[in-house]
Amino acid sequence: MDGTDPLFVGPTRPAMKWGVTMDGIIVGFVLVAILMIGTGNPFTLLLYLPIHGTLYLLCMRDPRIIRLLFLWVQTKLRSLGWRHWGAATACPLVNTRAGKRLRS
């Protein structure tokens, strides 16, 4: 070997069906099911095809993109001050303990 270790990507990929992760299929199906229930028209199920195509193109670039979007929503989108601070913070208040420790 030339000093590099090959990585077999197969075990690191998420479960996929028709080129889309199972998380993406569930999200797409839920969106279309909500639309079908709202409209009452079963032909709205055909809207899944362009949604699946979009998810397929996203998963071609990175198979974990749906999971990464879920993590982004759970962390950065839920944080209220991330635009101001530039990072997801648990509390956007100023830390007062550090100032007291420096003065003494």
PDB file of N, CA and C in Angstrom:
ATOM      1  N   MET A   1       0.847  -1.177   0.000  1.00  0.00           N
ATOM      2  CA  MET A   1       0.000   0.000   0.000  1.00  0.00           C
ATOM      3  C   MET A   1       0.889   1.237   0.000  1.00  0.00           C
ATOM      4  N   ASP A   2       0.360   2.309  -0.472  1.00  0.00           N
ATOM      5  CA  ASP A   2       1.130   3.537  -0.587  1.00  0.00           C
ATOM      6  C   ASP A   2       0.943   4.470   0.607  1.00  0.00           C
ATOM      7  N   GLY A   3       0.503   3.949   1.744  1.00  0.00           N
ATOM      8  CA  GLY A   3       0.351   4.770   2.936  1.00  0.00           C
ATOM      9  C   GLY A   3      -1.046   5.338   3.126  1.00  0.00           C
ATOM     10  N   THR A   4      -1.951   5.082   2.201  1.00  0.00           N
ATOM     11  CA  THR A   4      -3.324   5.565   2.363  1.00  0.00           C
ATOM     12  C   THR A   4      -4.236   4.385   2.637  1.00  0.00           C
ATOM     13  N   ASP A   5      -5.210   4.620   3.460  1.00  0.00           N
ATOM     14  CA  ASP A   5      -6.193   3.588   3.767  1.00  0.00           C
ATOM     15  C   ASP A   5      -7.458   3.855   2.966  1.00  0.00           C
ATOM     16  N   PRO A   6      -7.885   2.902   2.143  1.00  0.00           N
ATOM     17  CA  PRO A   6      -9.111   3.125   1.375  1.00  0.00           C
ATOM     18  C   PRO A   6     -10.336   3.048   2.286  1.00  0.00           C
ATOM     19  N   LEU A   7     -11.313   3.853   1.980  1.00  0.00           N
ATOM     20  CA  LEU A   7     -12.554   3.866   2.751  1.00  0.00           C
ATOM     21  C   LEU A   7     -13.655   3.253   1.902  1.00  0.00           C
ATOM     22  N   PHE A   8     -14.275   2.231   2.430  1.00  0.00           N
ATOM     23  CA  PHE A   8     -15.424   1.633   1.763  1.00  0.00           C
ATOM     24  C   PHE A   8     -16.659   2.383   2.239  1.00  0.00           C
ATOM     25  N   VAL A   9     -17.282   3.142   1.356  1.00  0.00           N
ATOM     26  CA  VAL A   9     -18.343   4.067   1.728  1.00  0.00           C
ATOM     27  C   VAL A   9     -19.665   3.350   1.996  1.00  0.00           C
ATOM     28  N   GLY A  10     -19.819   2.130   1.530  1.00  0.00           N
ATOM     29  CA  GLY A  10     -21.079   1.412   1.677  1.00  0.00           C
ATOM     30  C   GLY A  10     -21.614   1.329   3.093  1.00  0.00           C
ATOM     31  N   PRO A  11     -20.811   0.937   4.084  1.00  0.00           N
ATOM     32  CA  PRO A  11     -21.356   0.841   5.442  1.00  0.00           C
ATOM     33  C   PRO A  11     -21.668   2.187   6.085  1.00  0.00           C
ATOM     34  N   THR A  12     -21.129   3.266   5.561  1.00  0.00           N
ATOM     35  CA  THR A  12     -21.360   4.571   6.179  1.00  0.00           C
ATOM     36  C   THR A  12     -22.576   5.286   5.606  1.00  0.00           C
ATOM     37  N   ARG A  13     -23.191   4.740   4.572  1.00  0.00           N
ATOM     38  CA  ARG A  13     -24.352   5.387   3.959  1.00  0.00           C
ATOM     39  C   ARG A  13     -25.628   5.058   4.712  1.00  0.00           C
ATOM     40  N   PRO A  14     -26.580   5.990   4.715  1.00  0.00           N
ATOM     41  CA  PRO A  14     -27.875   5.694   5.343  1.00  0.00           C
ATOM     42  C   PRO A  14     -28.699   4.762   4.457  1.00  0.00           C
ATOM     43  N   ALA A  15     -29.747   4.196   5.027  1.00  0.00           N
ATOM     44  CA  ALA A  15     -30.630   3.306   4.270  1.00  0.00           C
ATOM     45  C   ALA A  15     -31.331   4.102   3.177  1.00  0.00           C
ATOM     46  N   MET A  16     -31.266   3.589   1.942  1.00  0.00           N
ATOM     47  CA  MET A  16     -31.830   4.312   0.810  1.00  0.00           C
ATOM     48  C   MET A  16     -32.794   3.415   0.041  1.00  0.00           C
ATOM     49  N   LYS A  17     -33.770   4.056  -0.575  1.00  0.00           N
ATOM     50  CA  LYS A  17     -34.722   3.373  -1.442  1.00  0.00           C
ATOM     51  C   LYS A  17     -34.950   4.277  -2.639  1.00  0.00           C
ATOM     52  N   TRP A  18     -34.757   3.763  -3.838  1.00  0.00           N
ATOM     53  CA  TRP A  18     -34.911   4.515  -5.082  1.00  0.00           C
ATOM     54  C   TRP A  18     -34.028   5.758  -5.120  1.00  0.00           C
ATOM     55  N   GLY A  19     -32.845   5.686  -4.511  1.00  0.00           N
ATOM     56  CA  GLY A  19     -31.889   6.783  -4.545  1.00  0.00           C
ATOM     57  C   GLY A  19     -32.108   7.876  -3.525  1.00  0.00           C
ATOM     58  N   VAL A  20     -33.091   7.702  -2.639  1.00  0.00           N
ATOM     59  CA  VAL A  20     -33.405   8.705  -1.618  1.00  0.00           C
ATOM     60  C   VAL A  20     -33.363   8.016  -0.264  1.00  0.00           C
ATOM     61  N   THR A  21     -32.874   8.724   0.741  1.00  0.00           N
ATOM     62  CA  THR A  21     -32.827   8.135   2.078  1.00  0.00           C
ATOM     63  C   THR A  21     -34.241   7.909   2.597  1.00  0.00           C
ATOM     64  N   MET A  22     -34.356   7.006   3.545  1.00  0.00           N
ATOM     65  CA  MET A  22     -35.668   6.705   4.112  1.00  0.00           C
ATOM     66  C   MET A  22     -36.253   7.926   4.819  1.00  0.00           C
ATOM     67  N   ASP A  23     -35.402   8.751   5.421  1.00  0.00           N
ATOM     68  CA  ASP A  23     -35.884   9.990   6.039  1.00  0.00           C
ATOM     69  C   ASP A  23     -36.521  10.904   4.992  1.00  0.00           C
ATOM     70  N   GLY A  24     -35.893  11.002   3.837  1.00  0.00           N
ATOM     71  CA  GLY A  24     -36.426  11.838   2.766  1.00  0.00           C
ATOM     72  C   GLY A  24     -37.737  11.313   2.213  1.00  0.00           C
ATOM     73  N   ILE A  25     -37.842   9.994   2.090  1.00  0.00           N
ATOM     74  CA  ILE A  25     -39.092   9.405   1.609  1.00  0.00           C
ATOM     75  C   ILE A  25     -40.217   9.688   2.592  1.00  0.00           C
ATOM     76  N   ILE A  26     -39.932   9.565   3.878  1.00  0.00           N
ATOM     77  CA  ILE A  26     -40.962   9.822   4.889  1.00  0.00           C
ATOM     78  C   ILE A  26     -41.392  11.284   4.861  1.00  0.00           C
ATOM     79  N   VAL A  27     -40.433  12.206   4.772  1.00  0.00           N
ATOM     80  CA  VAL A  27     -40.767  13.635   4.727  1.00  0.00           C
ATOM     81  C   VAL A  27     -41.595  13.952   3.483  1.00  0.00           C
ATOM     82  N   GLY A  28     -41.181  13.437   2.336  1.00  0.00           N
ATOM     83  CA  GLY A  28     -41.928  13.677   1.102  1.00  0.00           C
ATOM     84  C   GLY A  28     -43.325  13.097   1.156  1.00  0.00           C
ATOM     85  N   PHE A  29     -43.448  11.886   1.685  1.00  0.00           N
ATOM     86  CA  PHE A  29     -44.763  11.256   1.775  1.00  0.00           C
ATOM     87  C   PHE A  29     -45.676  12.011   2.732  1.00  0.00           C
ATOM     88  N   VAL A  30     -45.135  12.482   3.846  1.00  0.00           N
ATOM     89  CA  VAL A  30     -45.957  13.228   4.809  1.00  0.00           C
ATOM     90  C   VAL A  30     -46.441  14.540   4.190  1.00  0.00           C
ATOM     91  N   LEU A  31     -45.570  15.244   3.476  1.00  0.00           N
ATOM     92  CA  LEU A  31     -45.987  16.489   2.825  1.00  0.00           C
ATOM     93  C   LEU A  31     -47.104  16.248   1.821  1.00  0.00           C
ATOM     94  N   VAL A  32     -46.949  15.216   0.998  1.00  0.00           N
ATOM     95  CA  VAL A  32     -47.959  14.924  -0.010  1.00  0.00           C
ATOM     96  C   VAL A  32     -49.243  14.424   0.640  1.00  0.00           C
ATOM     97  N   ALA A  33     -49.133  13.643   1.704  1.00  0.00           N
ATOM     98  CA  ALA A  33     -50.331  13.151   2.391  1.00  0.00           C
ATOM     99  C   ALA A  33     -51.109  14.305   3.016  1.00  0.00           C
ATOM    100  N   ILE A  34     -50.413  15.274   3.595  1.00  0.00           N
ATOM    101  CA  ILE A  34     -51.096  16.436   4.171  1.00  0.00           C
ATOM    102  C   ILE A  34     -51.798  17.236   3.076  1.00  0.00           C
ATOM    103  N   LEU A  35     -51.126  17.403   1.941  1.00  0.00           N
ATOM    104  CA  LEU A  35     -51.764  18.107   0.827  1.00  0.00           C
ATOM    105  C   LEU A  35     -52.983  17.350   0.310  1.00  0.00           C
ATOM    106  N   MET A  36     -52.897  16.034   0.234  1.00  0.00           N
ATOM    107  CA  MET A  36     -54.026  15.248  -0.253  1.00  0.00           C
ATOM    108  C   MET A  36     -55.207  15.323   0.712  1.00  0.00           C
ATOM    109  N   ILE A  37     -54.931  15.264   2.003  1.00  0.00           N
ATOM    110  CA  ILE A  37     -56.006  15.373   2.984  1.00  0.00           C
ATOM    111  C   ILE A  37     -56.633  16.767   2.919  1.00  0.00           C
ATOM    112  N   GLY A  38     -55.809  17.782   2.731  1.00  0.00           N
ATOM    113  CA  GLY A  38     -56.326  19.149   2.658  1.00  0.00           C
ATOM    114  C   GLY A  38     -57.163  19.401   1.420  1.00  0.00           C
ATOM    115  N   THR A  39     -56.761  18.857   0.286  1.00  0.00           N
ATOM    116  CA  THR A  39     -57.499  19.095  -0.952  1.00  0.00           C
ATOM    117  C   THR A  39     -58.597  18.065  -1.178  1.00  0.00           C
ATOM    118  N   GLY A  40     -58.421  16.865  -0.677  1.00  0.00           N
ATOM    119  CA  GLY A  40     -59.399  15.803  -0.902  1.00  0.00           C
ATOM    120  C   GLY A  40     -59.301  15.186  -2.282  1.00  0.00           C
ATOM    121  N   ASN A  41     -58.279  15.525  -3.035  1.00  0.00           N
ATOM    122  CA  ASN A  41     -58.104  15.013  -4.387  1.00  0.00           C
ATOM    123  C   ASN A  41     -56.977  13.985  -4.382  1.00  0.00           C
ATOM    124  N   PRO A  42     -57.259  12.736  -4.771  1.00  0.00           N
ATOM    125  CA  PRO A  42     -56.189  11.730  -4.761  1.00  0.00           C
ATOM    126  C   PRO A  42     -55.107  11.978  -5.818  1.00  0.00           C
ATOM    127  N   PHE A  43     -55.379  12.829  -6.797  1.00  0.00           N
ATOM    128  CA  PHE A  43     -54.365  13.110  -7.813  1.00  0.00           C
ATOM    129  C   PHE A  43     -53.222  13.968  -7.270  1.00  0.00           C
ATOM    130  N   THR A  44     -53.405  14.546  -6.081  1.00  0.00           N
ATOM    131  CA  THR A  44     -52.300  15.296  -5.484  1.00  0.00           C
ATOM    132  C   THR A  44     -51.170  14.366  -5.051  1.00  0.00           C
ATOM    133  N   LEU A  45     -51.436  13.057  -5.010  1.00  0.00           N
ATOM    134  CA  LEU A  45     -50.349  12.110  -4.719  1.00  0.00           C
ATOM    135  C   LEU A  45     -49.289  12.134  -5.815  1.00  0.00           C
ATOM    136  N   LEU A  46     -49.661  12.592  -7.003  1.00  0.00           N
ATOM    137  CA  LEU A  46     -48.685  12.695  -8.091  1.00  0.00           C
ATOM    138  C   LEU A  46     -47.643  13.778  -7.825  1.00  0.00           C
ATOM    139  N   LEU A  47     -47.922  14.661  -6.872  1.00  0.00           N
ATOM    140  CA  LEU A  47     -46.931  15.677  -6.510  1.00  0.00           C
ATOM    141  C   LEU A  47     -45.704  15.061  -5.853  1.00  0.00           C
ATOM    142  N   TYR A  48     -45.804  13.801  -5.444  1.00  0.00           N
ATOM    143  CA  TYR A  48     -44.644  13.150  -4.840  1.00  0.00           C
ATOM    144  C   TYR A  48     -43.522  12.968  -5.859  1.00  0.00           C
ATOM    145  N   LEU A  49     -43.858  12.814  -7.122  1.00  0.00           N
ATOM    146  CA  LEU A  49     -42.823  12.564  -8.136  1.00  0.00           C
ATOM    147  C   LEU A  49     -41.813  13.711  -8.240  1.00  0.00           C
ATOM    148  N   PRO A  50     -42.223  14.989  -8.361  1.00  0.00           N
ATOM    149  CA  PRO A  50     -41.195  16.043  -8.380  1.00  0.00           C
ATOM    150  C   PRO A  50     -40.474  16.204  -7.043  1.00  0.00           C
ATOM    151  N   ILE A  51     -41.183  15.939  -5.936  1.00  0.00           N
ATOM    152  CA  ILE A  51     -40.521  16.004  -4.629  1.00  0.00           C
ATOM    153  C   ILE A  51     -39.456  14.923  -4.539  1.00  0.00           C
ATOM    154  N   HIS A  52     -39.786  13.718  -5.002  1.00  0.00           N
ATOM    155  CA  HIS A  52     -38.815  12.625  -4.983  1.00  0.00           C
ATOM    156  C   HIS A  52     -37.631  12.941  -5.902  1.00  0.00           C
ATOM    157  N   GLY A  53     -37.910  13.546  -7.057  1.00  0.00           N
ATOM    158  CA  GLY A  53     -36.827  13.926  -7.962  1.00  0.00           C
ATOM    159  C   GLY A  53     -35.880  14.938  -7.333  1.00  0.00           C
ATOM    160  N   THR A  54     -36.441  15.913  -6.634  1.00  0.00           N
ATOM    161  CA  THR A  54     -35.612  16.906  -5.943  1.00  0.00           C
ATOM    162  C   THR A  54     -34.780  16.253  -4.850  1.00  0.00           C
ATOM    163  N   LEU A  55     -35.410  15.378  -4.068  1.00  0.00           N
ATOM    164  CA  LEU A  55     -34.677  14.675  -3.012  1.00  0.00           C
ATOM    165  C   LEU A  55     -33.602  13.768  -3.601  1.00  0.00           C
ATOM    166  N   TYR A  56     -33.880  13.166  -4.749  1.00  0.00           N
ATOM    167  CA  TYR A  56     -32.891  12.316  -5.417  1.00  0.00           C
ATOM    168  C   TYR A  56     -31.663  13.130  -5.817  1.00  0.00           C
ATOM    169  N   LEU A  57     -31.900  14.320  -6.369  1.00  0.00           N
ATOM    170  CA  LEU A  57     -30.769  15.167  -6.760  1.00  0.00           C
ATOM    171  C   LEU A  57     -29.973  15.627  -5.543  1.00  0.00           C
ATOM    172  N   LEU A  58     -30.672  15.940  -4.443  1.00  0.00           N
ATOM    173  CA  LEU A  58     -29.966  16.326  -3.222  1.00  0.00           C
ATOM    174  C   LEU A  58     -29.146  15.164  -2.668  1.00  0.00           C
ATOM    175  N   CYS A  59     -29.722  13.956  -2.688  1.00  0.00           N
ATOM    176  CA  CYS A  59     -29.023  12.794  -2.137  1.00  0.00           C
ATOM    177  C   CYS A  59     -27.892  12.321  -3.042  1.00  0.00           C
ATOM    178  N   MET A  60     -27.936  12.689  -4.330  1.00  0.00           N
ATOM    179  CA  MET A  60     -26.807  12.359  -5.197  1.00  0.00           C
ATOM    180  C   MET A  60     -25.570  13.134  -4.770  1.00  0.00           C
ATOM    181  N   ARG A  61     -25.763  14.359  -4.335  1.00  0.00           N
ATOM    182  CA  ARG A  61     -24.636  15.193  -3.902  1.00  0.00           C
ATOM    183  C   ARG A  61     -24.088  14.721  -2.565  1.00  0.00           C
ATOM    184  N   ASP A  62     -24.971  14.491  -1.595  1.00  0.00           N
ATOM    185  CA  ASP A  62     -24.559  13.999  -0.287  1.00  0.00           C
ATOM    186  C   ASP A  62     -25.680  13.123   0.259  1.00  0.00           C
ATOM    187  N   PRO A  63     -25.431  11.836   0.480  1.00  0.00           N
ATOM    188  CA  PRO A  63     -26.505  10.951   0.942  1.00  0.00           C
ATOM    189  C   PRO A  63     -27.045  11.314   2.321  1.00  0.00           C
ATOM    190  N   ARG A  64     -26.289  12.057   3.104  1.00  0.00           N
ATOM    191  CA  ARG A  64     -26.741  12.406   4.456  1.00  0.00           C
ATOM    192  C   ARG A  64     -27.361  13.793   4.536  1.00  0.00           C
ATOM    193  N   ILE A  65     -27.744  14.378   3.405  1.00  0.00           N
ATOM    194  CA  ILE A  65     -28.211  15.765   3.401  1.00  0.00           C
ATOM    195  C   ILE A  65     -29.495  15.936   4.202  1.00  0.00           C
ATOM    196  N   ILE A  66     -30.388  14.970   4.184  1.00  0.00           N
ATOM    197  CA  ILE A  66     -31.644  15.088   4.929  1.00  0.00           C
ATOM    198  C   ILE A  66     -31.357  15.075   6.425  1.00  0.00           C
ATOM    199  N   ARG A  67     -30.476  14.184   6.858  1.00  0.00           N
ATOM    200  CA  ARG A  67     -30.122  14.126   8.281  1.00  0.00           C
ATOM    201  C   ARG A  67     -29.423  15.415   8.714  1.00  0.00           C
ATOM    202  N   LEU A  68     -28.572  15.963   7.853  1.00  0.00           N
ATOM    203  CA  LEU A  68     -27.895  17.218   8.180  1.00  0.00           C
ATOM    204  C   LEU A  68     -28.881  18.384   8.255  1.00  0.00           C
ATOM    205  N   LEU A  69     -29.896  18.383   7.395  1.00  0.00           N
ATOM    206  CA  LEU A  69     -30.920  19.422   7.478  1.00  0.00           C
ATOM    207  C   LEU A  69     -31.730  19.294   8.761  1.00  0.00           C
ATOM    208  N   PHE A  70     -32.037  18.064   9.178  1.00  0.00           N
ATOM    209  CA  PHE A  70     -32.732  17.857  10.449  1.00  0.00           C
ATOM    210  C   PHE A  70     -31.899  18.385  11.612  1.00  0.00           C
ATOM    211  N   LEU A  71     -30.604  18.103  11.599  1.00  0.00           N
ATOM    212  CA  LEU A  71     -29.736  18.592  12.667  1.00  0.00           C
ATOM    213  C   LEU A  71     -29.649  20.112  12.666  1.00  0.00           C
ATOM    214  N   TRP A  72     -29.620  20.714  11.477  1.00  0.00           N
ATOM    215  CA  TRP A  72     -29.579  22.168  11.393  1.00  0.00           C
ATOM    216  C   TRP A  72     -30.846  22.776  11.985  1.00  0.00           C
ATOM    217  N   VAL A  73     -32.001  22.170  11.686  1.00  0.00           N
ATOM    218  CA  VAL A  73     -33.264  22.675  12.233  1.00  0.00           C
ATOM    219  C   VAL A  73     -33.284  22.526  13.746  1.00  0.00           C
ATOM    220  N   GLN A  74     -32.766  21.408  14.267  1.00  0.00           N
ATOM    221  CA  GLN A  74     -32.800  21.165  15.705  1.00  0.00           C
ATOM    222  C   GLN A  74     -31.833  22.058  16.473  1.00  0.00           C
ATOM    223  N   THR A  75     -30.760  22.511  15.848  1.00  0.00           N
ATOM    224  CA  THR A  75     -29.769  23.302  16.571  1.00  0.00           C
ATOM    225  C   THR A  75     -29.814  24.772  16.172  1.00  0.00           C
ATOM    226  N   LYS A  76     -29.414  25.079  14.980  1.00  0.00           N
ATOM    227  CA  LYS A  76     -29.223  26.473  14.603  1.00  0.00           C
ATOM    228  C   LYS A  76     -30.536  27.211  14.377  1.00  0.00           C
ATOM    229  N   LEU A  77     -31.510  26.576  13.792  1.00  0.00           N
ATOM    230  CA  LEU A  77     -32.769  27.259  13.533  1.00  0.00           C
ATOM    231  C   LEU A  77     -33.535  27.519  14.823  1.00  0.00           C
ATOM    232  N   ARG A  78     -33.410  26.628  15.803  1.00  0.00           N
ATOM    233  CA  ARG A  78     -34.107  26.810  17.074  1.00  0.00           C
ATOM    234  C   ARG A  78     -33.444  27.862  17.956  1.00  0.00           C
ATOM    235  N   SER A  79     -32.180  28.147  17.721  1.00  0.00           N
ATOM    236  CA  SER A  79     -31.476  29.154  18.506  1.00  0.00           C
ATOM    237  C   SER A  79     -31.925  30.541  18.057  1.00  0.00           C
ATOM    238  N   LEU A  80     -32.309  31.370  19.001  1.00  0.00           N
ATOM    239  CA  LEU A  80     -32.873  32.671  18.661  1.00  0.00           C
ATOM    240  C   LEU A  80     -31.819  33.695  18.244  1.00  0.00           C
ATOM    241  N   GLY A  81     -30.626  33.609  18.790  1.00  0.00           N
ATOM    242  CA  GLY A  81     -29.638  34.649  18.538  1.00  0.00           C
ATOM    243  C   GLY A  81     -28.536  34.257  17.575  1.00  0.00           C
ATOM    244  N   TRP A  82     -28.753  33.284  16.707  1.00  0.00           N
ATOM    245  CA  TRP A  82     -27.644  32.833  15.863  1.00  0.00           C
ATOM    246  C   TRP A  82     -27.281  33.858  14.803  1.00  0.00           C
ATOM    247  N   ARG A  83     -28.206  34.681  14.379  1.00  0.00           N
ATOM    248  CA  ARG A  83     -27.840  35.706  13.395  1.00  0.00           C
ATOM    249  C   ARG A  83     -26.980  36.790  14.040  1.00  0.00           C
ATOM    250  N   HIS A  84     -27.277  37.107  15.283  1.00  0.00           N
ATOM    251  CA  HIS A  84     -26.521  38.153  15.979  1.00  0.00           C
ATOM    252  C   HIS A  84     -25.134  37.658  16.383  1.00  0.00           C
ATOM    253  N   TRP A  85     -25.064  36.461  16.936  1.00  0.00           N
ATOM    254  CA  TRP A  85     -23.805  35.955  17.468  1.00  0.00           C
ATOM    255  C   TRP A  85     -22.976  35.212  16.426  1.00  0.00           C
ATOM    256  N   GLY A  86     -23.595  34.769  15.342  1.00  0.00           N
ATOM    257  CA  GLY A  86     -22.867  34.039  14.318  1.00  0.00           C
ATOM    258  C   GLY A  86     -22.728  32.561  14.607  1.00  0.00           C
ATOM    259  N   ALA A  87     -23.348  32.092  15.670  1.00  0.00           N
ATOM    260  CA  ALA A  87     -23.309  30.672  16.025  1.00  0.00           C
ATOM    261  C   ALA A  87     -24.541  30.361  16.864  1.00  0.00           C
ATOM    262  N   ALA A  88     -24.895  29.091  16.923  1.00  0.00           N
ATOM    263  CA  ALA A  88     -26.033  28.685  17.741  1.00  0.00           C
ATOM    264  C   ALA A  88     -25.636  28.760  19.206  1.00  0.00           C
ATOM    265  N   THR A  89     -26.421  29.476  19.982  1.00  0.00           N
ATOM    266  CA  THR A  89     -26.128  29.630  21.403  1.00  0.00           C
ATOM    267  C   THR A  89     -27.300  29.123  22.217  1.00  0.00           C
ATOM    268  N   ALA A  90     -27.002  28.602  23.391  1.00  0.00           N
ATOM    269  CA  ALA A  90     -28.073  28.142  24.268  1.00  0.00           C
ATOM    270  C   ALA A  90     -28.776  29.320  24.913  1.00  0.00           C
ATOM    271  N   CYS A  91     -28.030  30.361  25.228  1.00  0.00           N
ATOM    272  CA  CYS A  91     -28.612  31.542  25.863  1.00  0.00           C
ATOM    273  C   CYS A  91     -27.905  32.776  25.293  1.00  0.00           C
ATOM    274  N   PRO A  92     -28.648  33.715  24.706  1.00  0.00           N
ATOM    275  CA  PRO A  92     -28.001  34.883  24.110  1.00  0.00           C
ATOM    276  C   PRO A  92     -27.627  35.969  25.106  1.00  0.00           C
ATOM    277  N   LEU A  93     -27.707  35.692  26.395  1.00  0.00           N
ATOM    278  CA  LEU A  93     -27.365  36.695  27.402  1.00  0.00           C
ATOM    279  C   LEU A  93     -25.857  36.774  27.601  1.00  0.00           C
ATOM    280  N   VAL A  94     -25.399  37.896  28.096  1.00  0.00           N
ATOM    281  CA  VAL A  94     -23.975  38.099  28.348  1.00  0.00           C
ATOM    282  C   VAL A  94     -23.563  37.273  29.567  1.00  0.00           C
ATOM    283  N   ASN A  95     -22.405  36.658  29.502  1.00  0.00           N
ATOM    284  CA  ASN A  95     -21.893  35.868  30.614  1.00  0.00           C
ATOM    285  C   ASN A  95     -21.344  36.820  31.674  1.00  0.00           C
ATOM    286  N   THR A  96     -21.975  36.862  32.842  1.00  0.00           N
ATOM    287  CA  THR A  96     -21.549  37.780  33.899  1.00  0.00           C
ATOM    288  C   THR A  96     -20.530  37.148  34.832  1.00  0.00           C
ATOM    289  N   ARG A  97     -20.401  35.850  34.847  1.00  0.00           N
ATOM    290  CA  ARG A  97     -19.461  35.191  35.757  1.00  0.00           C
ATOM    291  C   ARG A  97     -18.014  35.447  35.363  1.00  0.00           C
ATOM    292  N   ALA A  98     -17.737  35.506  34.092  1.00  0.00           N
ATOM    293  CA  ALA A  98     -16.360  35.714  33.655  1.00  0.00           C
ATOM    294  C   ALA A  98     -15.857  37.084  34.094  1.00  0.00           C
ATOM    295  N   GLY A  99     -16.713  38.097  34.068  1.00  0.00           N
ATOM    296  CA  GLY A  99     -16.320  39.435  34.493  1.00  0.00           C
ATOM    297  C   GLY A  99     -16.000  39.499  35.973  1.00  0.00           C
ATOM    298  N   LYS A 100     -16.743  38.807  36.803  1.00  0.00           N
ATOM    299  CA  LYS A 100     -16.490  38.803  38.241  1.00  0.00           C
ATOM    300  C   LYS A 100     -15.188  38.093  38.560  1.00  0.00           C
ATOM    301  N   ARG A 101     -14.896  37.056  37.840  1.00  0.00           N
ATOM    302  CA  ARG A 101     -13.682  36.300  38.090  1.00  0.00           C
ATOM    303  C   ARG A 101     -12.446  37.111  37.695  1.00  0.00           C
ATOM    304  N   LEU A 102     -12.551  37.924  36.671  1.00  0.00           N
ATOM    305  CA  LEU A 102     -11.409  38.710  36.229  1.00  0.00           C
ATOM    306  C   LEU A 102     -11.104  39.866  37.178  1.00  0.00           C
ATOM    307  N   ARG A 103     -12.097  40.437  37.831  1.00  0.00           N
ATOM    308  CA  ARG A 103     -11.887  41.585  38.708  1.00  0.00           C
ATOM    309  C   ARG A 103     -11.244  41.202  40.030  1.00  0.00           C
ATOM    310  N   SER A 104     -11.459  40.009  40.496  1.00  0.00           N
ATOM    311  CA  SER A 104     -10.953  39.660  41.827  1.00  0.00           C
ATOM    312  C   SER A 104      -9.517  39.246  41.832  1.00  0.00           C
TER     313      SER A 104
END
